[in-house]
Amino acid sequence: MDANWDNEPIIEIMIQPFINTRNLPLIVTIVLAALAFPSAQCADSSKETELRKALTFYASFDKSIDADFAKGDARLFTVVATTPDKKSEAGLHTREATRLAPGQGLKGNALQFTLREAPWVFFAAENNVSYRNKGWSGTVSVWLRLDPETDLDPGYCDPIQLTTRAWNDAAFFVDFDKEGDPRDFRLGAFADLQVWNPENKSIPEDQRPLLTVRNPPFDRDQWTHVAFTWDRFNTGTNEGIATLFLNGAKQGSVTGWNQAFTWKPTEESRLYLGLNYIGFMDELACFDRALNDAEVRELFTLKQQILPDR
């Protein structure tokens, strides 16, 4: 962008009434301010570009239930049978318990969950979540709208769960606690069960790799941005860190654990949505690195604009 040429007419109009030597300092100030304007625009555009470079998956739910952009499988799946073998099929097969809600999103449509016992839905995580068995980092971002105290049924509720096996075995989740008024919101970052709890014994919640947020800012009449990042996972040390953000503000981190996540090629990693959840979900995105604090705030500010020209 050539700032001089782009702003020449604006500058001429702005300084014409002041052209004399006495007003030279004022003229210089006006010109510098005018030239700075496109620079600020370029800086904002650069931030968005960096976010888009890191993007691996994005579902706006505006055009369909499937992802707008995916480095892996873009289709949404439903678990249609759990016994004798787990079976899933592409599409929504929930008898309208989970559905697209026209006009209910941040912009356009949203995904709506209406029944706690609805069949589970998920996106395949392979390639959509950029897994690495050494030095792994990443980010998941989503928007939620609900009143946890009045909309949710009793029991744990996971709007997002990312795993190959179970909630406590090589898994991330964000959840609402099973009860309370207000209900706590939590981030879980559980390494391989054989790593963090090799005896598979009962461990008090305050001794688990959990971060708890008291009185979280969820509301039925407004959207809340949720993002969690992870960094320095699969390093063989206790340096792994997982961080939770709400509405662009850091809430805290899970630290001090050996975050060994073994996602085997023979296992299917899944990004589950709305487990036991009742409410709305929109603008789901995954990134191949841990976004920094400023980038998460930028996501919160951008809202639905992470993917251009959709």
Protein backbone atom coordinates (compact mmCIF):
# COMPACT_ATOMS: atom_id res chain seq x y z
CA MET A 1 0.00 0.00 0.00
CA ASP A 2 1.40 3.45 -0.95
CA ALA A 3 0.30 5.70 1.90
CA ASN A 4 1.26 8.93 0.10
CA TRP A 5 -0.82 8.28 -3.01
CA ASP A 6 -3.78 6.77 -1.17
CA ASN A 7 -4.12 9.80 1.11
CA GLU A 8 -3.16 12.63 -1.25
CA PRO A 9 -6.72 14.01 -1.76
CA ILE A 10 -7.47 13.77 1.96
CA ILE A 11 -4.26 15.60 2.88
CA GLU A 12 -4.90 18.36 0.34
CA ILE A 13 -8.39 19.01 1.70
CA MET A 14 -7.23 18.95 5.28
CA ILE A 15 -4.30 21.38 4.94
CA GLN A 16 -5.68 23.84 2.36
CA PRO A 17 -7.17 26.29 4.94
CA PHE A 18 -3.93 26.37 6.94
CA ILE A 19 -1.28 26.94 4.24
CA ASN A 20 1.07 29.56 5.62
CA THR A 21 4.37 29.31 7.43
CA ARG A 22 2.84 30.22 10.80
CA ASN A 23 0.72 27.06 10.69
CA LEU A 24 3.52 24.75 9.52
CA PRO A 25 3.70 22.71 12.79
CA LEU A 26 -0.04 22.09 12.63
CA ILE A 27 0.21 21.06 8.97
CA VAL A 28 2.94 18.55 9.79
CA THR A 29 0.84 17.06 12.59
CA ILE A 30 -2.19 16.65 10.32
CA VAL A 31 -0.14 15.06 7.55
CA LEU A 32 1.48 12.58 9.92
CA ALA A 33 -1.91 11.62 11.36
CA ALA A 34 -3.33 11.09 7.88
CA LEU A 35 -0.41 8.93 6.83
CA ALA A 36 -0.68 6.85 10.00
CA PHE A 37 -4.28 5.86 9.27
CA PRO A 38 -3.54 3.30 6.53
CA SER A 39 -0.62 2.00 8.56
CA ALA A 40 -3.02 1.13 11.36
CA GLN A 41 -5.27 -0.60 8.85
CA CYS A 42 -2.31 -2.58 7.54
CA ALA A 43 -1.35 -3.60 11.09
CA ASP A 44 -4.86 -4.88 11.78
CA SER A 45 -4.86 -6.75 8.46
CA SER A 46 -1.50 -8.29 9.30
CA LYS A 47 -2.84 -9.61 12.61
CA GLU A 48 -5.77 -11.26 10.83
CA THR A 49 -3.41 -12.74 8.24
CA GLU A 50 -1.27 -14.35 10.93
CA LEU A 51 -4.38 -15.89 12.51
CA ARG A 52 -5.50 -17.25 9.15
CA LYS A 53 -2.08 -18.76 8.50
CA ALA A 54 -2.41 -20.75 11.73
CA LEU A 55 -6.01 -21.81 11.02
CA THR A 56 -6.56 -25.53 10.47
CA PHE A 57 -10.33 -25.76 10.89
CA TYR A 58 -13.29 -23.39 10.87
CA ALA A 59 -17.05 -23.99 11.10
CA SER A 60 -19.34 -20.96 11.00
CA PHE A 61 -22.52 -23.08 10.81
CA ASP A 62 -23.95 -20.44 8.48
CA LYS A 63 -24.15 -22.48 5.27
CA SER A 64 -24.44 -25.96 6.76
CA ILE A 65 -23.47 -28.16 9.69
CA ASP A 66 -20.16 -28.95 7.97
CA ALA A 67 -16.98 -26.90 8.23
CA ASP A 68 -16.30 -23.93 5.94
CA PHE A 69 -12.58 -24.75 5.99
CA ALA A 70 -10.86 -27.95 7.07
CA LYS A 71 -7.42 -29.47 6.61
CA GLY A 72 -9.03 -32.82 7.44
CA ASP A 73 -12.58 -34.10 7.02
CA ALA A 74 -15.03 -31.18 6.94
CA ARG A 75 -18.12 -33.28 7.73
CA LEU A 76 -19.97 -33.32 11.03
CA PHE A 77 -20.67 -36.84 12.30
CA THR A 78 -23.21 -38.35 14.70
CA VAL A 79 -22.59 -41.36 16.94
CA VAL A 80 -25.54 -43.53 15.93
CA ALA A 81 -24.67 -46.64 17.95
CA THR A 82 -22.45 -47.36 20.95
CA THR A 83 -22.99 -51.12 21.27
CA PRO A 84 -21.82 -53.62 20.33
CA ASP A 85 -19.43 -51.38 18.39
CA LYS A 86 -19.24 -47.63 18.16
CA LYS A 87 -20.76 -46.54 14.87
CA SER A 88 -20.99 -43.07 13.42
CA GLU A 89 -22.51 -41.55 10.30
CA ALA A 90 -21.93 -38.25 8.55
CA GLY A 91 -24.66 -35.68 9.16
CA LEU A 92 -27.01 -34.89 12.02
CA HIS A 93 -28.99 -37.93 13.13
CA THR A 94 -30.36 -36.65 16.42
CA ARG A 95 -34.08 -36.35 15.64
CA GLU A 96 -33.73 -32.56 15.78
CA ALA A 97 -32.28 -32.63 19.32
CA THR A 98 -29.24 -30.93 17.75
CA ARG A 99 -29.94 -28.69 14.78
CA LEU A 100 -29.07 -25.57 12.85
CA ALA A 101 -30.83 -22.54 14.30
CA PRO A 102 -31.49 -19.94 11.55
CA GLY A 103 -30.52 -16.40 12.48
CA GLN A 104 -29.45 -17.32 16.00
CA GLY A 105 -25.68 -17.02 15.53
CA LEU A 106 -23.21 -14.20 15.95
CA LYS A 107 -23.93 -13.62 12.29
CA GLY A 108 -26.28 -15.95 10.47
CA ASN A 109 -26.98 -19.40 11.87
CA ALA A 110 -25.76 -21.30 14.92
CA LEU A 111 -25.71 -24.89 16.12
CA GLN A 112 -28.35 -25.48 18.80
CA PHE A 113 -28.37 -28.30 21.38
CA THR A 114 -31.74 -28.88 23.02
CA LEU A 115 -31.52 -32.21 24.87
CA ARG A 116 -29.00 -33.51 27.39
CA GLU A 117 -29.30 -37.13 26.25
CA ALA A 118 -28.96 -36.37 22.54
CA PRO A 119 -26.63 -38.55 20.42
CA TRP A 120 -23.07 -37.24 20.45
CA VAL A 121 -21.80 -35.27 17.46
CA PHE A 122 -18.20 -34.64 16.44
CA PHE A 123 -15.73 -33.57 13.81
CA ALA A 124 -12.79 -35.84 13.02
CA ALA A 125 -9.74 -34.24 14.65
CA GLU A 126 -7.13 -35.73 12.32
CA ASN A 127 -5.42 -32.83 10.48
CA ASN A 128 -8.16 -30.46 11.66
CA VAL A 129 -6.30 -30.39 14.96
CA SER A 130 -2.62 -30.35 14.09
CA TYR A 131 -1.27 -33.10 16.35
CA ARG A 132 2.47 -33.58 16.89
CA ASN A 133 4.08 -36.25 19.04
CA LYS A 134 6.87 -33.84 20.00
CA GLY A 135 6.64 -30.19 20.94
CA TRP A 136 2.89 -29.94 20.40
CA SER A 137 0.89 -26.72 20.68
CA GLY A 138 -2.49 -25.51 19.47
CA THR A 139 -5.68 -23.53 20.13
CA VAL A 140 -9.43 -24.17 20.04
CA SER A 141 -11.88 -21.26 19.89
CA VAL A 142 -15.68 -21.28 20.11
CA TRP A 143 -18.62 -19.05 21.02
CA LEU A 144 -21.38 -20.21 23.42
CA ARG A 145 -24.73 -18.75 24.42
CA LEU A 146 -26.68 -20.11 27.39
CA ASP A 147 -27.66 -19.52 30.99
CA PRO A 148 -25.92 -22.44 32.75
CA GLU A 149 -28.11 -22.27 35.86
CA THR A 150 -31.46 -22.42 34.05
CA ASP A 151 -30.67 -24.08 30.71
CA LEU A 152 -28.50 -27.03 31.75
CA ASP A 153 -29.78 -30.20 33.35
CA PRO A 154 -27.93 -31.52 36.44
CA GLY A 155 -24.67 -33.30 35.72
CA TYR A 156 -21.40 -32.53 33.98
CA CYS A 157 -21.64 -30.84 30.59
CA ASP A 158 -18.80 -30.62 28.03
CA PRO A 159 -19.42 -28.12 25.22
CA ILE A 160 -16.04 -29.19 23.80
CA GLN A 161 -14.11 -32.44 24.32
CA LEU A 162 -11.05 -33.39 22.27
CA THR A 163 -9.69 -36.92 22.67
CA THR A 164 -9.00 -40.31 21.14
CA ARG A 165 -10.16 -42.38 24.09
CA ALA A 166 -11.93 -40.83 27.09
CA TRP A 167 -12.34 -37.54 28.98
CA ASN A 168 -9.47 -38.41 31.34
CA ASP A 169 -7.09 -40.10 28.87
CA ALA A 170 -5.13 -37.86 26.47
CA ALA A 171 -7.96 -35.34 26.41
CA PHE A 172 -8.85 -31.68 26.55
CA PHE A 173 -12.26 -30.46 27.60
CA VAL A 174 -14.08 -27.36 28.73
CA ASP A 175 -17.06 -28.15 30.93
CA PHE A 176 -19.64 -26.84 33.35
CA ASP A 177 -19.56 -28.44 36.78
CA LYS A 178 -22.35 -30.87 37.60
CA GLU A 179 -24.15 -28.45 39.94
CA GLY A 180 -23.94 -25.04 41.60
CA ASP A 181 -25.44 -21.59 41.38
CA PRO A 182 -23.52 -20.26 39.58
CA ARG A 183 -22.01 -23.36 37.99
CA ASP A 184 -18.23 -23.36 37.66
CA PHE A 185 -16.61 -23.50 34.23
CA ARG A 186 -13.44 -25.58 33.87
CA LEU A 187 -10.59 -26.45 31.55
CA GLY A 188 -9.23 -29.99 31.72
CA ALA A 189 -5.90 -31.01 30.16
CA PHE A 190 -5.45 -34.70 30.96
CA ALA A 191 -2.36 -36.48 29.64
CA ASP A 192 -2.34 -40.23 28.95
CA LEU A 193 -4.03 -41.93 31.86
CA GLN A 194 -0.92 -44.08 32.38
CA VAL A 195 1.11 -40.89 32.79
CA TRP A 196 -0.98 -38.70 35.09
CA ASN A 197 -2.82 -41.47 37.00
CA PRO A 198 -1.02 -44.80 36.37
CA GLU A 199 -2.89 -46.61 39.15
CA ASN A 200 -6.23 -45.31 37.85
CA LYS A 201 -7.28 -44.43 41.37
CA SER A 202 -9.79 -41.87 42.60
CA ILE A 203 -8.10 -38.47 42.80
CA PRO A 204 -9.70 -35.34 44.31
CA GLU A 205 -10.59 -32.72 41.71
CA ASP A 206 -8.22 -30.15 43.22
CA GLN A 207 -5.36 -32.57 42.53
CA ARG A 208 -6.24 -33.14 38.89
CA PRO A 209 -4.99 -31.16 35.86
CA LEU A 210 -7.99 -28.85 36.02
CA LEU A 211 -8.50 -25.09 36.01
CA THR A 212 -11.73 -23.83 37.60
CA VAL A 213 -13.38 -20.47 36.92
CA ARG A 214 -15.90 -19.31 39.50
CA ASN A 215 -18.92 -17.29 38.36
CA PRO A 216 -18.10 -17.39 34.62
CA PRO A 217 -19.67 -14.72 32.33
CA PHE A 218 -22.25 -16.82 30.46
CA ASP A 219 -25.67 -15.41 29.63
CA ARG A 220 -28.64 -16.50 27.52
CA ASP A 221 -28.90 -13.06 25.89
CA GLN A 222 -25.27 -12.62 24.86
CA TRP A 223 -22.47 -14.65 23.33
CA THR A 224 -19.41 -15.66 25.37
CA HIS A 225 -16.09 -16.37 23.67
CA VAL A 226 -14.19 -19.43 24.93
CA ALA A 227 -10.64 -20.25 23.87
CA PHE A 228 -8.03 -22.60 25.24
CA THR A 229 -4.44 -23.03 24.20
CA TRP A 230 -1.76 -25.61 24.89
CA ASP A 231 2.00 -25.32 24.56
CA ARG A 232 5.12 -27.42 25.25
CA PHE A 233 3.12 -30.67 25.24
CA ASN A 234 4.81 -33.98 24.40
CA THR A 235 8.23 -32.79 25.53
CA GLY A 236 8.84 -35.40 28.24
CA THR A 237 9.04 -32.65 30.90
CA ASN A 238 6.63 -30.95 33.28
CA GLU A 239 6.70 -27.72 31.25
CA GLY A 240 3.37 -28.23 29.48
CA ILE A 241 0.92 -25.38 29.91
CA ALA A 242 -2.78 -25.15 28.98
CA THR A 243 -4.51 -21.78 29.27
CA LEU A 244 -8.19 -20.78 29.31
CA PHE A 245 -9.57 -17.47 28.02
CA LEU A 246 -13.10 -16.09 28.37
CA ASN A 247 -14.12 -13.05 26.33
CA GLY A 248 -10.48 -12.43 25.44
CA ALA A 249 -9.29 -12.38 29.06
CA LYS A 250 -6.92 -14.98 30.49
CA GLN A 251 -8.51 -16.96 33.33
CA GLY A 252 -5.48 -19.04 34.35
CA SER A 253 -3.46 -22.08 33.32
CA VAL A 254 -2.95 -25.77 34.04
CA THR A 255 0.77 -26.15 34.75
CA GLY A 256 3.28 -28.48 36.38
CA TRP A 257 2.25 -31.68 34.59
CA ASN A 258 3.98 -33.99 32.16
CA GLN A 259 1.54 -33.45 29.31
CA ALA A 260 2.18 -36.58 27.27
CA PHE A 261 -0.67 -37.03 24.79
CA THR A 262 -0.26 -40.24 22.80
CA TRP A 263 -2.70 -40.21 19.91
CA LYS A 264 -1.93 -43.46 18.12
CA PRO A 265 -2.38 -43.84 14.34
CA THR A 266 -4.74 -46.74 15.05
CA GLU A 267 -7.03 -44.50 17.12
CA GLU A 268 -9.54 -41.93 15.89
CA SER A 269 -9.14 -38.51 17.46
CA ARG A 270 -12.42 -36.63 17.72
CA LEU A 271 -13.52 -33.09 18.47
CA TYR A 272 -16.82 -33.70 20.26
CA LEU A 273 -19.40 -30.91 20.47
CA GLY A 274 -22.15 -30.30 23.00
CA LEU A 275 -21.85 -33.36 25.24
CA ASN A 276 -24.85 -33.09 27.63
CA TYR A 277 -25.02 -29.43 26.60
CA ILE A 278 -28.16 -27.31 26.15
CA GLY A 279 -27.59 -24.00 24.41
CA PHE A 280 -26.14 -22.45 21.27
CA MET A 281 -22.69 -22.81 19.69
CA ASP A 282 -21.09 -20.82 16.89
CA GLU A 283 -17.80 -20.00 15.10
CA LEU A 284 -15.73 -23.06 16.00
CA ALA A 285 -12.05 -22.75 15.01
CA CYS A 286 -8.77 -24.62 15.54
CA PHE A 287 -5.21 -23.33 15.11
CA ASP A 288 -1.90 -25.14 14.74
CA ARG A 289 -0.13 -23.22 17.51
CA ALA A 290 -0.83 -21.65 20.88
CA LEU A 291 -2.13 -18.16 20.17
CA ASN A 292 -0.72 -15.48 22.44
CA ASP A 293 -2.82 -13.25 24.68
CA ALA A 294 -3.09 -10.46 22.10
CA GLU A 295 -4.16 -12.89 19.38
CA VAL A 296 -6.89 -14.37 21.56
CA ARG A 297 -8.14 -10.84 22.27
CA GLU A 298 -8.08 -10.27 18.51
CA LEU A 299 -10.21 -13.39 18.00
CA PHE A 300 -12.70 -12.06 20.53
CA THR A 301 -12.79 -8.69 18.73
CA LEU A 302 -13.03 -10.21 15.24
CA LYS A 303 -15.94 -12.43 16.22
CA GLN A 304 -17.04 -14.12 12.99
CA GLN A 305 -14.45 -12.53 10.68
CA ILE A 306 -11.62 -15.04 11.07
CA LEU A 307 -12.11 -16.48 7.57
CA PRO A 308 -12.26 -13.91 4.74
CA ASP A 309 -14.91 -13.73 2.03
CA ARG A 310 -16.94 -16.72 3.07
